[in-house]
Amino acid sequence: MSGLESTTFLVIDVDLCTDCRACIAACPRDAIFEPLNVCCAKCMKYCMTLEVDCKREKPAIAVDRCDGCGLCIPVCPTGAIVWSAAGNAACHPAREG
């Protein structure tokens, strides 16, 4: 691992992501996943009645599983996967379960 990977994290820019899921297929460590939308305050009240369609969020990178190989970067058609020093765990949570 070079110095870049040891001090930064791979993140997905959700504004650029088109949800093609190429990154999910390319990841050898199964570190990129499409999490359930568990933060949707708008639909939580109506989930039982299914009045609001609860959709999945865009893919995210589980930083605890990612080894920084970068194989996801070239397969992204929009360049949405980038290195970031921020590594915001709230935006890119570890996979549950």
Protein backbone atom coordinates (compact mmCIF):
# COMPACT_ATOMS: atom_id res chain seq x y z
CA MET A 1 0.00 0.00 0.00
CA SER A 2 1.37 3.41 -0.87
CA GLY A 3 1.18 6.47 1.38
CA LEU A 4 -1.94 7.69 -0.44
CA GLU A 5 -4.08 4.69 0.50
CA SER A 6 -2.86 4.61 4.10
CA THR A 7 -4.02 8.17 4.83
CA THR A 8 -7.16 8.38 2.68
CA PHE A 9 -10.34 6.45 2.03
CA LEU A 10 -12.21 5.56 -1.12
CA VAL A 11 -15.61 7.25 -1.15
CA ILE A 12 -18.51 7.40 -3.59
CA ASP A 13 -19.74 10.83 -4.62
CA VAL A 14 -23.49 10.20 -4.58
CA ASP A 15 -24.09 13.26 -6.77
CA LEU A 16 -22.08 11.64 -9.57
CA CYS A 17 -23.20 8.04 -8.96
CA THR A 18 -25.76 6.74 -11.46
CA ASP A 19 -26.33 3.52 -9.50
CA CYS A 20 -24.97 1.31 -12.30
CA ARG A 21 -23.51 -1.06 -9.67
CA ALA A 22 -20.33 -1.76 -11.68
CA CYS A 23 -18.29 -0.99 -8.56
CA ILE A 24 -20.19 -3.59 -6.53
CA ALA A 25 -19.38 -6.27 -9.10
CA ALA A 26 -15.71 -5.20 -9.33
CA CYS A 27 -14.92 -5.24 -5.61
CA PRO A 28 -12.99 -8.40 -4.65
CA ARG A 29 -13.52 -7.83 -0.91
CA ASP A 30 -17.28 -7.26 -1.11
CA ALA A 31 -16.68 -3.86 0.48
CA ILE A 32 -19.03 -1.91 -1.78
CA PHE A 33 -22.68 -2.47 -1.14
CA GLU A 34 -26.05 -0.90 -1.59
CA PRO A 35 -27.40 -0.25 1.92
CA LEU A 36 -31.02 -0.17 2.90
CA ASN A 37 -32.49 3.28 3.32
CA VAL A 38 -32.64 3.32 7.12
CA CYS A 39 -32.36 7.09 7.54
CA CYS A 40 -35.45 8.17 5.64
CA ALA A 41 -37.48 10.18 8.14
CA LYS A 42 -40.02 10.97 5.44
CA CYS A 43 -41.10 7.40 4.90
CA MET A 44 -40.65 5.85 8.36
CA LYS A 45 -44.12 6.92 9.39
CA TYR A 46 -45.65 5.33 6.30
CA CYS A 47 -43.53 2.19 5.84
CA MET A 48 -46.16 -0.01 7.44
CA THR A 49 -48.84 1.23 5.07
CA LEU A 50 -46.49 1.34 2.04
CA GLU A 51 -47.78 4.80 1.16
CA VAL A 52 -44.22 5.94 0.43
CA ASP A 53 -41.90 3.72 -1.60
CA CYS A 54 -38.80 3.01 0.50
CA LYS A 55 -35.94 2.76 -1.97
CA ARG A 56 -32.37 1.66 -1.44
CA GLU A 57 -29.67 4.31 -1.19
CA LYS A 58 -26.76 4.56 -3.61
CA PRO A 59 -23.79 2.23 -3.11
CA ALA A 60 -21.44 2.89 -0.21
CA ILE A 61 -18.00 1.64 0.75
CA ALA A 62 -17.54 -0.23 4.02
CA VAL A 63 -14.22 1.23 5.10
CA ASP A 64 -13.62 -1.65 7.49
CA ARG A 65 -13.64 -4.11 4.55
CA CYS A 66 -11.96 -1.97 1.88
CA ASP A 67 -8.25 -2.69 1.42
CA GLY A 68 -7.72 0.25 -0.96
CA CYS A 69 -6.97 -1.87 -4.03
CA GLY A 70 -8.71 0.72 -6.25
CA LEU A 71 -10.24 -1.82 -8.66
CA CYS A 72 -13.55 0.03 -8.38
CA ILE A 73 -12.16 3.33 -9.68
CA PRO A 74 -11.66 2.45 -13.37
CA VAL A 75 -14.99 0.64 -13.71
CA CYS A 76 -17.02 3.68 -12.60
CA PRO A 77 -18.32 5.34 -15.79
CA THR A 78 -18.90 8.71 -14.10
CA GLY A 79 -15.77 8.96 -11.96
CA ALA A 80 -17.84 8.92 -8.77
CA ILE A 81 -15.30 6.90 -6.76
CA VAL A 82 -12.49 9.06 -5.44
CA TRP A 83 -9.86 9.17 -2.72
CA SER A 84 -10.85 11.37 0.23
CA ALA A 85 -9.02 12.36 3.37
CA ALA A 86 -12.37 12.92 5.09
CA GLY A 87 -13.53 9.30 5.12
CA ASN A 88 -16.90 10.31 6.54
CA ALA A 89 -18.20 7.15 8.24
CA ALA A 90 -21.72 8.59 8.43
CA CYS A 91 -21.92 8.79 4.67
CA HIS A 92 -20.10 5.54 4.06
CA PRO A 93 -21.05 3.24 6.94
CA ALA A 94 -19.70 -0.19 7.68
CA ARG A 95 -22.04 -2.92 6.54
CA GLU A 96 -24.37 -4.22 9.19
CA GLY A 97 -24.95 -7.93 9.65
